[in-house]
Amino acid sequence: MTDKKHIKPTDVQLNWLRRGLTQPGGKLPLFDKNGKQIGDKTVQSCIDHGWAAPWFDNPVKPDWLICKLTDEGRRVVAAEDAKPQTHP
């Protein structure tokens, strides 16, 4: 079994998680900044790692999973953002 503390989010996951930092309750968006729905694999992977959690059911679109950022998700984003940026 892999130690979750050493798993690093992908750029796509990290960008999605960051967007929850400024939203009430840490709500994570259903769509990216270009209007494309966030991929199910991204959402499920973040839930599996404990970075996001299902929040409530969407009565209008029951197949859409409304999630919020968890404390662990906030920690992972902060840790990634604290790393020095390297540019090729």
Protein backbone atom coordinates (compact mmCIF):
# COMPACT_ATOMS: atom_id res chain seq x y z
CA MET A 1 0.00 0.00 0.00
CA THR A 2 1.27 3.47 -0.92
CA ASP A 3 1.70 6.11 1.78
CA LYS A 4 -0.84 8.85 0.93
CA LYS A 5 1.36 11.56 2.45
CA HIS A 6 3.88 11.08 -0.37
CA ILE A 7 1.40 11.14 -3.25
CA LYS A 8 1.56 14.33 -5.26
CA PRO A 9 -1.49 15.64 -7.12
CA THR A 10 -1.32 16.05 -10.88
CA ASP A 11 -1.44 19.56 -12.31
CA VAL A 12 -5.09 19.06 -13.25
CA GLN A 13 -5.97 17.87 -9.74
CA LEU A 14 -4.01 20.67 -8.11
CA ASN A 15 -5.65 23.35 -10.25
CA TRP A 16 -9.10 21.98 -9.39
CA LEU A 17 -8.31 21.80 -5.67
CA ARG A 18 -6.91 25.35 -5.65
CA ARG A 19 -10.21 26.70 -6.88
CA GLY A 20 -11.89 25.47 -3.69
CA LEU A 21 -9.65 27.68 -1.55
CA THR A 22 -11.62 30.83 -2.36
CA GLN A 23 -15.12 29.36 -2.36
CA PRO A 24 -17.54 29.31 0.58
CA GLY A 25 -17.16 26.00 2.41
CA GLY A 26 -14.38 24.98 0.04
CA LYS A 27 -16.87 24.13 -2.74
CA LEU A 28 -15.08 22.65 -5.72
CA PRO A 29 -16.31 23.65 -9.19
CA LEU A 30 -18.13 21.35 -11.56
CA PHE A 31 -16.50 23.01 -14.58
CA ASP A 32 -13.03 24.28 -15.42
CA LYS A 33 -12.36 27.90 -16.37
CA ASN A 34 -13.18 27.11 -20.01
CA GLY A 35 -16.60 25.64 -19.18
CA LYS A 36 -15.59 21.99 -19.60
CA GLN A 37 -16.90 19.60 -16.94
CA ILE A 38 -14.24 18.40 -14.50
CA GLY A 39 -13.43 14.79 -15.37
CA ASP A 40 -14.88 12.00 -13.25
CA LYS A 41 -11.42 10.44 -12.90
CA THR A 42 -10.04 13.71 -11.47
CA VAL A 43 -12.88 14.01 -8.98
CA GLN A 44 -12.79 10.37 -7.89
CA SER A 45 -9.01 10.32 -7.54
CA CYS A 46 -9.10 13.42 -5.32
CA ILE A 47 -11.82 11.80 -3.19
CA ASP A 48 -9.81 8.57 -2.97
CA HIS A 49 -6.75 10.51 -1.77
CA GLY A 50 -8.80 12.41 0.83
CA TRP A 51 -8.25 15.80 -0.83
CA ALA A 52 -11.94 16.27 -1.67
CA ALA A 53 -15.15 14.91 -0.22
CA PRO A 54 -18.70 14.58 -1.53
CA TRP A 55 -20.71 17.44 -0.09
CA PHE A 56 -24.36 17.16 -1.07
CA ASP A 57 -26.61 15.74 -3.76
CA ASN A 58 -27.56 17.92 -6.70
CA PRO A 59 -31.34 17.60 -7.13
CA VAL A 60 -31.24 19.11 -10.64
CA LYS A 61 -28.40 16.90 -11.91
CA PRO A 62 -28.19 13.84 -9.62
CA ASP A 63 -25.32 12.38 -11.68
CA TRP A 64 -23.10 15.39 -10.84
CA LEU A 65 -21.02 14.97 -7.70
CA ILE A 66 -20.81 18.18 -5.66
CA CYS A 67 -17.55 18.15 -3.67
CA LYS A 68 -15.72 20.29 -1.18
CA LEU A 69 -12.07 20.68 -0.35
CA THR A 70 -10.98 18.77 2.76
CA ASP A 71 -8.42 19.82 5.35
CA GLU A 72 -6.02 17.32 3.76
CA GLY A 73 -6.71 18.89 0.37
CA ARG A 74 -5.86 22.32 1.78
CA ARG A 75 -2.64 20.91 3.23
CA VAL A 76 -1.62 19.34 -0.08
CA VAL A 77 -2.30 22.54 -2.01
CA ALA A 78 -0.35 24.61 0.53
CA ALA A 79 2.57 22.17 0.43
CA GLU A 80 2.67 22.19 -3.38
CA ASP A 81 2.38 25.98 -3.54
CA ALA A 82 5.22 26.37 -1.01
CA LYS A 83 7.63 24.44 -3.24
CA PRO A 84 10.04 26.55 -5.30
CA GLN A 85 8.87 26.81 -8.89
CA THR A 86 11.19 25.43 -11.53
CA HIS A 87 10.81 26.52 -15.11
CA PRO A 88 12.37 24.58 -18.01
